[in-house]
Amino acid sequence: MNNEEKILNEMKKNNGMITTKEVERMGIARKTLTRMLEKGLIERENQGLYVLPNSWGDEYYNLIFSSKNAIFSHATALFLHGLSERVPLIYEITVANGYNASLKNRENVELYSVTKEIFELGKTEIESPQGKIIPVYDIERCLCDVIKYKDKQDIEIIKYALKTYVKSSKKDIYKLMEYAKKLKVEEEINSYLEVLL
């Protein structure tokens, strides 16, 4: 088996994707990827990320791959947590103030910019629908964010998420209220909770 075949086999095991670092760990030179690109065996999805032609890949992972300071948020994160039934058409992503990279130019991305002090608040990781680990805000942060920006959100998504959350055995009302205070949506969160609890 030659190096190109090794790479293709690894990509098939990895949802049709491979990174430059993974190729180097296999002991294969980067120039092999360049040759494979020229032959049309693979496509460059992002800097350092390659996919099989016509493969679905992992849109969530691909978007965040080269953006170290970006976190899935709002309704997109609610979907990833199972608190929304709507598959996002526009990916909502939060970045720290001063962010100036490739996501700004994507038509299918809605960027939210926050101060560095609250950027990490509630950051966690989750498996994407295709099984890759991606950064996402936890449920409590997402609920605060969708309420803070309720004018940009579908009210049905907010209602569904809140109703599902309050019925969940994993809810953490203390954490929700702590975040609400830091994100200045305490009054709004209280109003919703009074109706639902």
Protein backbone atom coordinates (compact mmCIF):
# COMPACT_ATOMS: atom_id res chain seq x y z
CA MET A 1 0.00 0.00 0.00
CA ASN A 2 1.47 3.35 -1.03
CA ASN A 3 1.22 6.60 0.96
CA GLU A 4 -1.75 7.93 -1.01
CA GLU A 5 -3.69 4.73 -0.34
CA LYS A 6 -2.79 4.94 3.37
CA ILE A 7 -4.12 8.50 3.52
CA LEU A 8 -7.32 7.59 1.67
CA ASN A 9 -7.90 4.61 4.00
CA GLU A 10 -7.40 6.81 7.05
CA MET A 11 -9.81 9.41 5.63
CA LYS A 12 -12.50 6.76 5.09
CA LYS A 13 -12.19 5.78 8.76
CA ASN A 14 -12.34 9.46 9.80
CA ASN A 15 -15.62 10.68 8.22
CA GLY A 16 -13.83 11.55 4.97
CA MET A 17 -11.40 14.00 6.60
CA ILE A 18 -7.75 14.24 7.53
CA THR A 19 -5.49 16.98 8.86
CA THR A 20 -1.92 17.79 7.94
CA LYS A 21 -0.86 16.87 11.48
CA GLU A 22 -2.49 13.44 11.19
CA VAL A 23 -0.63 12.81 7.93
CA GLU A 24 2.67 13.82 9.55
CA ARG A 25 1.97 11.49 12.51
CA MET A 26 1.56 8.68 9.99
CA GLY A 27 5.15 9.43 8.88
CA ILE A 28 4.04 10.73 5.46
CA ALA A 29 5.40 13.95 3.94
CA ARG A 30 3.05 16.92 3.38
CA LYS A 31 3.91 16.99 -0.31
CA THR A 32 1.86 13.80 -0.70
CA LEU A 33 -1.24 15.85 0.12
CA THR A 34 -0.25 18.39 -2.56
CA ARG A 35 0.06 15.61 -5.15
CA MET A 36 -3.30 14.17 -4.10
CA LEU A 37 -4.88 17.62 -4.47
CA GLU A 38 -3.46 18.00 -7.98
CA LYS A 39 -4.84 14.56 -8.94
CA GLY A 40 -8.27 15.43 -7.54
CA LEU A 41 -8.15 12.61 -4.99
CA ILE A 42 -8.83 15.04 -2.12
CA GLU A 43 -10.02 18.62 -1.64
CA ARG A 44 -8.74 21.30 0.70
CA GLU A 45 -11.57 22.28 3.04
CA ASN A 46 -9.61 24.66 5.23
CA GLN A 47 -5.98 25.39 6.06
CA GLY A 48 -4.55 22.06 7.23
CA LEU A 49 -7.83 20.17 6.69
CA TYR A 50 -8.55 17.91 3.70
CA VAL A 51 -11.69 16.01 2.69
CA LEU A 52 -12.65 13.40 0.14
CA PRO A 53 -14.33 14.90 -2.96
CA ASN A 54 -18.12 15.07 -2.68
CA SER A 55 -18.03 13.93 0.94
CA TRP A 56 -20.41 15.50 3.42
CA GLY A 57 -17.63 15.89 5.95
CA ASP A 58 -18.44 17.62 9.21
CA GLU A 59 -19.58 21.18 8.64
CA TYR A 60 -19.40 22.05 12.36
CA TYR A 61 -15.83 20.79 12.72
CA ASN A 62 -14.77 22.31 9.39
CA LEU A 63 -16.04 25.77 10.38
CA ILE A 64 -14.24 25.83 13.72
CA PHE A 65 -11.12 23.92 12.67
CA SER A 66 -8.87 26.91 12.03
CA SER A 67 -10.63 29.35 14.38
CA LYS A 68 -9.24 28.73 17.83
CA ASN A 69 -11.23 31.61 19.33
CA ALA A 70 -14.72 30.66 18.16
CA ILE A 71 -17.49 28.81 20.01
CA PHE A 72 -20.84 27.53 18.74
CA SER A 73 -23.57 29.45 20.51
CA HIS A 74 -27.21 30.55 20.58
CA ALA A 75 -29.72 28.39 18.64
CA THR A 76 -26.93 26.41 16.96
CA ALA A 77 -25.63 25.29 20.34
CA LEU A 78 -29.19 24.55 21.52
CA PHE A 79 -29.53 22.19 18.55
CA LEU A 80 -26.23 20.50 19.41
CA HIS A 81 -27.45 20.03 23.00
CA GLY A 82 -30.76 18.55 21.82
CA LEU A 83 -32.82 21.56 22.91
CA SER A 84 -33.94 22.50 19.41
CA GLU A 85 -35.47 20.37 16.70
CA ARG A 86 -34.38 22.72 13.91
CA VAL A 87 -31.18 21.94 12.07
CA PRO A 88 -29.33 25.26 11.70
CA LEU A 89 -29.09 26.77 8.24
CA ILE A 90 -27.03 29.64 9.62
CA TYR A 91 -24.38 28.71 12.18
CA GLU A 92 -24.31 31.02 15.19
CA ILE A 93 -20.81 31.40 16.55
CA THR A 94 -19.46 33.65 19.29
CA VAL A 95 -15.98 35.17 19.12
CA ALA A 96 -14.01 37.48 21.39
CA ASN A 97 -13.88 41.19 20.53
CA GLY A 98 -11.10 41.87 18.06
CA TYR A 99 -11.62 38.63 16.12
CA ASN A 100 -10.67 39.16 12.50
CA ALA A 101 -10.41 35.85 10.66
CA SER A 102 -12.09 33.71 8.02
CA LEU A 103 -15.48 33.24 9.70
CA LYS A 104 -16.28 36.92 9.08
CA ASN A 105 -16.54 36.19 5.36
CA ARG A 106 -18.81 33.13 5.56
CA GLU A 107 -22.38 33.67 4.36
CA ASN A 108 -23.71 30.81 6.48
CA VAL A 109 -22.30 32.18 9.76
CA GLU A 110 -23.83 34.70 12.16
CA LEU A 111 -21.05 36.04 14.38
CA TYR A 112 -21.59 37.44 17.85
CA SER A 113 -18.77 39.39 19.44
CA VAL A 114 -18.31 39.55 23.23
CA THR A 115 -15.74 40.89 25.66
CA LYS A 116 -12.86 38.61 26.60
CA GLU A 117 -14.15 38.56 30.19
CA ILE A 118 -17.30 36.64 29.25
CA PHE A 119 -16.05 34.82 26.15
CA GLU A 120 -15.01 31.66 28.08
CA LEU A 121 -18.09 31.67 30.36
CA GLY A 122 -19.83 28.32 29.89
CA LYS A 123 -17.42 27.03 27.26
CA THR A 124 -17.44 23.26 26.95
CA GLU A 125 -17.00 20.62 24.25
CA ILE A 126 -19.50 18.30 22.62
CA GLU A 127 -19.57 15.75 19.81
CA SER A 128 -20.83 17.11 16.50
CA PRO A 129 -23.52 15.09 14.71
CA GLN A 130 -20.66 13.42 12.78
CA GLY A 131 -18.70 12.58 15.92
CA LYS A 132 -15.97 15.25 16.03
CA ILE A 133 -15.26 17.18 19.23
CA ILE A 134 -16.21 20.86 18.86
CA PRO A 135 -16.36 23.87 21.23
CA VAL A 136 -19.84 24.91 22.31
CA TYR A 137 -21.40 26.89 25.13
CA ASP A 138 -23.19 24.88 27.80
CA ILE A 139 -26.98 24.90 27.95
CA GLU A 140 -27.27 27.60 30.61
CA ARG A 141 -25.07 30.01 28.62
CA CYS A 142 -27.06 29.27 25.44
CA LEU A 143 -30.35 30.04 27.15
CA CYS A 144 -29.01 33.36 28.40
CA ASP A 145 -27.66 34.21 24.95
CA VAL A 146 -30.88 33.46 23.05
CA ILE A 147 -32.86 35.52 25.54
CA LYS A 148 -30.36 38.39 25.39
CA TYR A 149 -30.66 38.42 21.58
CA LYS A 150 -34.33 37.37 21.43
CA ASP A 151 -34.98 39.90 18.63
CA LYS A 152 -32.68 37.84 16.39
CA GLN A 153 -34.15 34.48 17.45
CA ASP A 154 -37.31 32.59 16.61
CA ILE A 155 -39.50 32.77 19.72
CA GLU A 156 -40.61 29.14 19.18
CA ILE A 157 -36.99 27.96 19.50
CA ILE A 158 -36.64 29.86 22.78
CA LYS A 159 -39.92 28.48 24.18
CA TYR A 160 -39.09 24.90 23.20
CA ALA A 161 -35.58 25.15 24.69
CA LEU A 162 -36.80 26.61 27.99
CA LYS A 163 -39.67 24.11 28.37
CA THR A 164 -37.33 21.20 27.65
CA TYR A 165 -34.69 22.60 30.02
CA VAL A 166 -36.99 23.03 33.03
CA LYS A 167 -38.26 19.43 32.62
CA SER A 168 -34.71 18.06 32.46
CA SER A 169 -33.13 16.33 35.43
CA LYS A 170 -29.80 17.90 34.35
CA LYS A 171 -30.97 21.50 34.74
CA ASP A 172 -28.86 23.73 36.96
CA ILE A 173 -30.98 26.73 37.90
CA TYR A 174 -28.25 28.09 40.18
CA LYS A 175 -25.76 28.15 37.28
CA LEU A 176 -28.40 29.62 34.95
CA MET A 177 -29.04 32.49 37.37
CA GLU A 178 -25.30 33.03 37.91
CA TYR A 179 -24.79 33.35 34.13
CA ALA A 180 -27.90 35.52 33.79
CA LYS A 181 -26.44 37.98 36.29
CA LYS A 182 -23.07 38.13 34.49
CA LEU A 183 -24.74 38.48 31.08
CA LYS A 184 -27.26 41.06 32.35
CA VAL A 185 -30.42 39.08 31.55
CA GLU A 186 -31.39 38.16 35.10
CA GLU A 187 -34.78 39.90 34.96
CA GLU A 188 -35.76 38.25 31.66
CA ILE A 189 -34.67 34.78 32.83
CA ASN A 190 -36.66 35.22 36.05
CA SER A 191 -39.76 36.16 34.05
CA TYR A 192 -39.53 33.02 31.93
CA LEU A 193 -38.83 30.78 34.92
CA GLU A 194 -41.78 32.15 36.91
CA VAL A 195 -44.10 31.01 34.13
CA LEU A 196 -42.44 27.63 33.56
CA LEU A 197 -41.56 26.44 37.08
